[in-house]
Amino acid sequence: MRHAKRQQMAQDAAKTQRKKTERSWALINGLAAFCVLGVLVFGGYQAIMHPETPLPPAWNPTQPLRISDPVTPLTNWKLNRAAATETQCLSTLQGHAALRALAPLKDSDRCFISDRVDLRRVGHARLAPLETRCAIALRMAMWEQHSLQPAAQAFLSTQVTSIAHIGSYNCRAMRTSAGGSTRMSTHATADAIDISGFDFEDGTQIRLIADWNGAGAKVAFLRAVRDGACKWFALTLSPDYNRLHADHFHLQSRGWGLCR
């Protein structure tokens, strides 16, 4: 009986020792994994921050948005950052737009333009003189570069040379299918622009009021650039939304992501 008790005590001691050993190895493995992770994080940080990093600028979160860069999962994040401040917005647009910075405009507490610019061109596409916010100009430039021109080549084998618009700033309340509204439109702060059509290098013209419900290449182009606008603007409304938008795209620099 004494022998059995001593044997049980020895087994319990061995089991306790094994558990201690397992905990020690678990701690050692955890520390080793933490060290490896630290090395990887430090190496990644150095790879990103080094002046001669092999990481392309479009993929580097420390590099600002460049309109001509290829689109990556970081592009919209960079776009939102660039659009948030006037200085960064204007800097990003250099070489990609013809515009002039203007003093802020304030007609009332509900009608004003911050970061006001006079916009005449984005990329290769002219616009009639337009007073708007820098954020709208920047999103227009991204749309022209990554949506309008690729779609023009793909569906029409030509280039967009002019973007027709109905304006950006308009001190008014929202319009709805049910009538007037007490809420102010995003046009009251120039956070929106209405696009009515496009002119092309080969002489082709496209207008939403005439061509949205047509057929062929013009319709394919309009659907493609509407879908493209949804990538670069915070809200996009087309003739598919309601009759109030039968003749234009309504594009906003702020909104909740609606794409119709």
Protein backbone atom coordinates (compact mmCIF):
# COMPACT_ATOMS: atom_id res chain seq x y z
CA MET A 1 0.00 0.00 0.00
CA ARG A 2 2.90 2.29 0.86
CA HIS A 3 4.48 1.37 -2.46
CA ALA A 4 1.32 2.26 -4.35
CA LYS A 5 1.16 5.63 -2.56
CA ARG A 6 4.79 6.41 -3.37
CA GLN A 7 4.16 5.43 -7.00
CA GLN A 8 1.14 7.75 -7.19
CA MET A 9 3.16 10.60 -5.67
CA ALA A 10 5.90 10.04 -8.23
CA GLN A 11 3.37 10.11 -11.09
CA ASP A 12 1.82 13.32 -9.76
CA ALA A 13 5.25 14.92 -9.47
CA ALA A 14 6.09 13.89 -13.04
CA LYS A 15 2.81 15.29 -14.31
CA THR A 16 3.41 18.58 -12.50
CA GLN A 17 6.89 18.78 -14.00
CA ARG A 18 5.53 18.13 -17.51
CA LYS A 19 3.01 20.93 -17.11
CA LYS A 20 5.74 23.30 -15.95
CA THR A 21 7.87 22.29 -18.93
CA GLU A 22 4.95 22.78 -21.35
CA ARG A 23 4.23 26.23 -19.89
CA SER A 24 7.89 27.16 -20.21
CA TRP A 25 8.00 26.07 -23.83
CA ALA A 26 4.74 27.89 -24.55
CA LEU A 27 6.26 31.06 -23.06
CA ILE A 28 9.47 30.60 -25.05
CA ASN A 29 7.50 29.98 -28.28
CA GLY A 30 5.35 33.05 -27.60
CA LEU A 31 8.39 35.25 -27.03
CA ALA A 32 10.03 33.85 -30.16
CA ALA A 33 6.90 34.55 -32.23
CA PHE A 34 6.71 38.07 -30.80
CA CYS A 35 10.35 38.69 -31.69
CA VAL A 36 9.85 37.37 -35.23
CA LEU A 37 6.75 39.57 -35.62
CA GLY A 38 8.72 42.56 -34.33
CA VAL A 39 11.49 41.90 -36.83
CA LEU A 40 8.93 41.62 -39.66
CA VAL A 41 7.15 44.80 -38.61
CA PHE A 42 10.44 46.69 -38.28
CA GLY A 43 11.62 45.33 -41.63
CA GLY A 44 8.33 46.28 -43.25
CA TYR A 45 8.52 49.77 -41.76
CA GLN A 46 12.07 50.18 -43.03
CA ALA A 47 11.06 48.87 -46.47
CA ILE A 48 8.25 51.45 -46.64
CA MET A 49 10.19 54.39 -45.24
CA HIS A 50 13.54 53.83 -46.95
CA PRO A 51 14.18 56.38 -49.74
CA GLU A 52 15.02 53.54 -52.13
CA THR A 53 12.11 51.29 -51.13
CA PRO A 54 11.10 48.81 -53.84
CA LEU A 55 7.44 49.35 -52.89
CA PRO A 56 5.64 51.25 -55.71
CA PRO A 57 4.24 54.64 -54.59
CA ALA A 58 0.66 53.53 -55.34
CA TRP A 59 1.05 50.74 -52.77
CA ASN A 60 2.96 52.80 -50.21
CA PRO A 61 0.66 54.26 -47.52
CA THR A 62 3.23 56.92 -46.65
CA GLN A 63 3.21 58.34 -50.19
CA PRO A 64 0.52 60.88 -51.17
CA LEU A 65 -2.04 60.31 -53.89
CA ARG A 66 -0.81 60.73 -57.45
CA ILE A 67 -3.61 60.93 -60.00
CA SER A 68 -1.63 59.04 -62.65
CA ASP A 69 -0.78 56.12 -60.35
CA PRO A 70 -2.51 52.79 -61.01
CA VAL A 71 -5.52 52.10 -58.81
CA THR A 72 -4.83 49.96 -55.73
CA PRO A 73 -6.79 49.13 -52.55
CA LEU A 74 -5.13 52.22 -51.01
CA THR A 75 -6.26 54.68 -53.69
CA ASN A 76 -9.62 55.71 -52.22
CA TRP A 77 -8.09 56.11 -48.77
CA LYS A 78 -5.41 58.35 -50.26
CA LEU A 79 -8.06 60.26 -52.23
CA ASN A 80 -10.12 60.97 -49.12
CA ARG A 81 -7.00 62.21 -47.31
CA ALA A 82 -5.99 64.47 -50.21
CA ALA A 83 -9.50 65.88 -50.58
CA ALA A 84 -9.73 66.72 -46.87
CA THR A 85 -7.32 69.67 -46.93
CA GLU A 86 -7.02 72.48 -49.45
CA THR A 87 -3.22 72.43 -49.51
CA GLN A 88 -2.97 68.71 -50.25
CA CYS A 89 -5.84 68.87 -52.72
CA LEU A 90 -4.26 71.66 -54.75
CA SER A 91 -0.86 69.96 -54.62
CA THR A 92 -2.31 66.69 -55.92
CA LEU A 93 -4.02 68.45 -58.81
CA GLN A 94 -0.85 70.13 -60.08
CA GLY A 95 -0.24 69.06 -63.67
CA HIS A 96 -3.62 67.33 -63.87
CA ALA A 97 -6.04 70.26 -63.96
CA ALA A 98 -6.34 73.87 -65.06
CA LEU A 99 -7.68 75.73 -62.06
CA ARG A 100 -7.15 78.78 -59.91
CA ALA A 101 -7.56 78.95 -56.14
CA LEU A 102 -10.09 81.57 -55.04
CA ALA A 103 -10.97 83.16 -51.71
CA PRO A 104 -13.74 81.36 -49.80
CA LEU A 105 -17.29 82.46 -50.61
CA LYS A 106 -20.01 82.90 -47.99
CA ASP A 107 -23.48 84.04 -48.99
CA SER A 108 -25.06 82.85 -45.73
CA ASP A 109 -24.57 80.33 -42.94
CA ARG A 110 -26.04 77.66 -45.20
CA CYS A 111 -24.64 78.75 -48.56
CA PHE A 112 -20.88 78.97 -48.95
CA ILE A 113 -17.85 77.51 -50.74
CA SER A 114 -14.78 76.53 -48.75
CA ASP A 115 -11.57 75.67 -50.62
CA ARG A 116 -13.05 77.45 -53.65
CA VAL A 117 -11.46 77.03 -57.07
CA ASP A 118 -12.16 78.18 -60.62
CA LEU A 119 -11.90 74.97 -62.67
CA ARG A 120 -11.41 74.93 -66.47
CA ARG A 121 -9.94 71.48 -67.23
CA VAL A 122 -9.29 68.06 -65.70
CA GLY A 123 -6.77 65.86 -67.49
CA HIS A 124 -7.46 66.19 -71.23
CA ALA A 125 -11.09 67.30 -70.79
CA ARG A 126 -12.13 70.94 -70.84
CA LEU A 127 -14.99 72.38 -68.81
CA ALA A 128 -16.89 75.63 -69.09
CA PRO A 129 -15.74 77.93 -66.23
CA LEU A 130 -16.81 76.32 -63.00
CA GLU A 131 -16.65 77.55 -59.41
CA THR A 132 -16.57 74.60 -57.06
CA ARG A 133 -14.67 73.07 -54.16
CA CYS A 134 -11.21 71.65 -54.63
CA ALA A 135 -12.50 68.23 -53.51
CA ILE A 136 -14.91 68.14 -56.46
CA ALA A 137 -12.10 69.12 -58.84
CA LEU A 138 -9.89 66.35 -57.46
CA ARG A 139 -12.59 63.69 -57.76
CA MET A 140 -13.34 64.90 -61.29
CA ALA A 141 -9.66 64.49 -62.17
CA MET A 142 -9.63 60.92 -60.84
CA TRP A 143 -12.83 60.15 -62.75
CA GLU A 144 -11.41 61.57 -65.98
CA GLN A 145 -8.14 59.66 -65.63
CA HIS A 146 -9.43 56.29 -64.50
CA SER A 147 -12.99 56.11 -65.87
CA LEU A 148 -13.85 58.59 -68.64
CA GLN A 149 -10.82 58.19 -70.88
CA PRO A 150 -10.58 54.36 -70.54
CA ALA A 151 -14.31 54.06 -71.32
CA ALA A 152 -14.01 56.40 -74.31
CA GLN A 153 -11.25 54.25 -75.75
CA ALA A 154 -13.00 50.97 -74.94
CA PHE A 155 -16.44 51.82 -76.36
CA LEU A 156 -15.87 54.66 -78.83
CA SER A 157 -12.17 54.40 -79.79
CA THR A 158 -11.67 58.11 -79.14
CA GLN A 159 -10.89 60.55 -76.32
CA VAL A 160 -13.07 62.80 -74.17
CA THR A 161 -12.16 66.43 -74.91
CA SER A 162 -14.92 68.25 -73.06
CA ILE A 163 -17.24 67.60 -70.11
CA ALA A 164 -20.57 69.44 -70.20
CA HIS A 165 -21.95 70.46 -66.82
CA ILE A 166 -24.94 72.29 -65.34
CA GLY A 167 -22.93 73.74 -62.46
CA SER A 168 -21.81 73.04 -58.92
CA TYR A 169 -22.68 75.91 -56.55
CA ASN A 170 -26.34 76.78 -56.14
CA CYS A 171 -27.80 78.19 -52.93
CA ARG A 172 -31.01 76.16 -52.76
CA ALA A 173 -32.83 73.42 -50.90
CA MET A 174 -32.93 69.81 -52.04
CA ARG A 175 -35.36 68.80 -54.77
CA THR A 176 -37.28 65.57 -54.29
CA SER A 177 -39.84 63.62 -56.31
CA ALA A 178 -42.41 64.65 -53.70
CA GLY A 179 -41.60 68.35 -54.08
CA GLY A 180 -39.55 70.79 -52.04
CA SER A 181 -37.52 70.06 -48.92
CA THR A 182 -36.33 71.94 -45.88
CA ARG A 183 -32.87 70.34 -46.17
CA MET A 184 -30.25 72.24 -48.11
CA SER A 185 -28.79 70.68 -51.22
CA THR A 186 -25.11 69.74 -51.36
CA HIS A 187 -25.00 72.28 -54.20
CA ALA A 188 -25.42 74.96 -51.51
CA THR A 189 -21.84 74.25 -50.42
CA ALA A 190 -20.50 73.23 -53.86
CA ASP A 191 -20.05 69.66 -52.65
CA ALA A 192 -21.74 68.40 -55.82
CA ILE A 193 -21.58 68.82 -59.57
CA ASP A 194 -24.13 68.01 -62.28
CA ILE A 195 -22.76 66.52 -65.51
CA SER A 196 -24.95 66.65 -68.62
CA GLY A 197 -22.75 65.15 -71.34
CA PHE A 198 -19.45 64.73 -73.12
CA ASP A 199 -17.72 65.82 -76.35
CA PHE A 200 -15.08 63.68 -78.06
CA GLU A 201 -12.01 64.13 -80.21
CA ASP A 202 -13.68 62.59 -83.28
CA GLY A 203 -16.62 65.03 -83.12
CA THR A 204 -19.02 62.70 -81.32
CA GLN A 205 -21.33 64.24 -78.75
CA ILE A 206 -23.18 62.42 -75.98
CA ARG A 207 -25.91 64.00 -73.87
CA LEU A 208 -27.70 62.13 -71.11
CA ILE A 209 -31.11 63.53 -72.00
CA ALA A 210 -30.80 62.20 -75.56
CA ASP A 211 -28.67 59.10 -75.21
CA TRP A 212 -29.27 57.45 -71.83
CA ASN A 213 -32.14 55.32 -73.09
CA GLY A 214 -30.65 54.69 -76.52
CA ALA A 215 -28.63 51.71 -77.68
CA GLY A 216 -25.13 50.78 -78.74
CA ALA A 217 -21.76 52.23 -77.84
CA LYS A 218 -23.06 55.53 -76.47
CA VAL A 219 -25.24 53.79 -73.91
CA ALA A 220 -22.42 51.41 -72.97
CA PHE A 221 -20.14 54.41 -72.44
CA LEU A 222 -22.67 56.23 -70.25
CA ARG A 223 -23.31 53.18 -68.07
CA ALA A 224 -19.56 52.59 -67.69
CA VAL A 225 -18.76 56.17 -66.67
CA ARG A 226 -21.72 56.23 -64.25
CA ASP A 227 -20.36 53.09 -62.60
CA GLY A 228 -16.89 54.65 -62.66
CA ALA A 229 -18.16 57.77 -60.91
CA CYS A 230 -19.39 55.58 -58.07
CA LYS A 231 -15.75 54.69 -57.36
CA TRP A 232 -14.55 58.29 -57.11
CA PHE A 233 -17.51 60.17 -55.66
CA ALA A 234 -19.23 59.63 -52.34
CA LEU A 235 -22.67 59.62 -53.99
CA THR A 236 -23.68 59.20 -57.63
CA LEU A 237 -27.17 59.67 -59.06
CA SER A 238 -28.07 59.07 -62.72
CA PRO A 239 -31.29 59.00 -64.77
CA ASP A 240 -31.90 55.57 -63.23
CA TYR A 241 -32.51 57.26 -59.86
CA ASN A 242 -35.55 59.41 -60.68
CA ARG A 243 -36.99 61.78 -63.28
CA LEU A 244 -35.29 64.79 -61.66
CA HIS A 245 -31.97 63.37 -62.89
CA ALA A 246 -33.12 62.51 -66.40
CA ASP A 247 -30.62 64.89 -68.00
CA HIS A 248 -27.55 64.65 -65.75
CA PHE A 249 -25.29 62.78 -63.35
CA HIS A 250 -25.38 64.25 -59.85
CA LEU A 251 -21.96 63.63 -58.27
CA GLN A 252 -21.15 64.46 -54.64
CA SER A 253 -17.90 64.67 -52.72
CA ARG A 254 -19.72 63.67 -49.54
CA GLY A 255 -22.51 61.21 -48.98
CA TRP A 256 -23.35 57.67 -47.95
CA GLY A 257 -22.21 55.71 -50.98
CA LEU A 258 -25.45 55.57 -52.96
CA CYS A 259 -24.83 54.58 -56.61
CA ARG A 260 -27.88 54.69 -58.86
